[in-house]
Every structure is written in C-alpha cells, then in structure tokens.
Amino acid sequence: MQSKEDILDQLFELIRPHSEQPIELSEQTRLIEDVGLNSMKVMELVMQIEDHFDVSIPLNILPDVDTIGEFAKHLETLLEAR
C-alpha cells in the first residue's frame, strides 16, 4: 500500500507539466485556480493518473476535488479498495 506522501509525490510529478506557469505544488494547491487546468486538461490528467496508478477514477468525485490534497485523499481510498 502506498502512503499519502508517496501518492502526493507522484501526483505532483503528473500535475507539474500541466501547469501554465512554474509554481510550487503542495496539498493546498488548487487544480483550477492555481495550476490553471480547464475541463479538458482535467480529463487528460485524470486519464494519466488512472494509467499511472492502474485505477479507475469515478467522475462523480471530481466536483468534490478542488486541491491536490483532496485528490490524493480520494485516490488513496480508491487504491486501498483494490
């Protein structure tokens, strides 16, 4: 099982190339406002994360995800359920 810190580190690596500007990523970084993702980029990112972690992310959780930390929490739950 992966720790939340491991999941966060991997998410940072996957998200960083999508950022419009170089920013310091943290758990509090907001995906839309801080990273600058639009709905199309969010879907691309979700597909990359699914491939990387070999997990299916239900789209109904996306409205509840604002920050990288919230995404990591949902992802951790999904990975534990496998």
Protein backbone atom coordinates (compact mmCIF):
# COMPACT_ATOMS: atom_id res chain seq x y z
CA MET A 1 0.00 0.00 0.00
CA GLN A 2 1.22 3.47 -0.86
CA SER A 3 1.39 6.20 1.74
CA LYS A 4 -0.36 9.51 1.21
CA GLU A 5 3.06 11.15 0.86
CA ASP A 6 4.02 8.73 -1.94
CA ILE A 7 0.72 9.42 -3.69
CA LEU A 8 1.22 13.17 -3.35
CA ASP A 9 4.77 12.99 -4.75
CA GLN A 10 3.54 11.05 -7.76
CA LEU A 11 0.61 13.44 -8.26
CA PHE A 12 2.99 16.42 -8.16
CA GLU A 13 5.08 14.83 -10.93
CA LEU A 14 1.98 14.14 -13.04
CA ILE A 15 0.44 17.59 -12.49
CA ARG A 16 3.57 19.74 -12.85
CA PRO A 17 3.73 19.52 -16.70
CA HIS A 18 0.11 20.75 -16.89
CA SER A 19 0.82 23.97 -15.01
CA GLU A 20 0.70 27.11 -17.13
CA GLN A 21 3.47 28.66 -15.01
CA PRO A 22 6.13 27.16 -12.77
CA ILE A 23 4.59 27.01 -9.29
CA GLU A 24 5.42 25.21 -6.07
CA LEU A 25 2.90 22.39 -5.71
CA SER A 26 1.52 21.44 -2.30
CA GLU A 27 -1.53 19.73 -0.83
CA GLN A 28 -3.30 23.11 -0.80
CA THR A 29 -2.62 23.85 -4.48
CA ARG A 30 -5.93 24.27 -6.29
CA LEU A 31 -6.15 22.44 -9.60
CA ILE A 32 -8.23 25.02 -11.47
CA GLU A 33 -7.21 28.35 -9.95
CA ASP A 34 -3.52 27.70 -9.15
CA VAL A 35 -2.44 25.13 -11.75
CA GLY A 36 -4.70 26.62 -14.44
CA LEU A 37 -6.43 23.46 -15.60
CA ASN A 38 -9.54 23.73 -17.73
CA SER A 39 -12.11 20.95 -18.03
CA MET A 40 -10.31 19.32 -20.97
CA LYS A 41 -6.97 19.33 -19.18
CA VAL A 42 -8.60 17.91 -16.05
CA MET A 43 -9.88 14.97 -18.09
CA GLU A 44 -6.44 14.42 -19.66
CA LEU A 45 -4.89 14.50 -16.20
CA VAL A 46 -7.45 12.04 -14.83
CA MET A 47 -6.63 9.61 -17.65
CA GLN A 48 -2.90 9.93 -16.94
CA ILE A 49 -3.47 9.34 -13.23
CA GLU A 50 -5.66 6.31 -13.95
CA ASP A 51 -2.94 4.84 -16.17
CA HIS A 52 -0.16 5.63 -13.72
CA PHE A 53 -1.89 4.18 -10.65
CA ASP A 54 -3.81 1.48 -12.58
CA VAL A 55 -7.11 2.56 -11.06
CA SER A 56 -10.45 3.81 -12.36
CA ILE A 57 -11.45 7.23 -11.02
CA PRO A 58 -15.22 7.78 -10.87
CA LEU A 59 -16.10 11.09 -12.49
CA ASN A 60 -18.66 11.84 -9.78
CA ILE A 61 -15.82 12.61 -7.31
CA LEU A 62 -14.40 15.42 -9.47
CA PRO A 63 -16.84 18.11 -8.26
CA ASP A 64 -15.59 17.40 -4.71
CA VAL A 65 -11.93 17.81 -5.69
CA ASP A 66 -10.52 21.32 -5.50
CA THR A 67 -6.95 20.76 -4.26
CA ILE A 68 -4.20 18.24 -4.91
CA GLY A 69 -4.58 17.07 -1.29
CA GLU A 70 -8.27 16.31 -1.81
CA PHE A 71 -7.43 14.41 -4.99
CA ALA A 72 -4.77 12.42 -3.10
CA LYS A 73 -7.28 11.53 -0.37
CA HIS A 74 -9.79 10.17 -2.90
CA LEU A 75 -7.03 8.36 -4.76
CA GLU A 76 -5.74 6.80 -1.55
CA THR A 77 -9.25 5.48 -0.81
CA LEU A 78 -9.53 4.04 -4.33
CA LEU A 79 -6.14 2.35 -4.08
CA GLU A 80 -6.98 0.81 -0.69
CA ALA A 81 -10.23 -0.62 -2.11
CA ARG A 82 -8.40 -2.59 -4.81
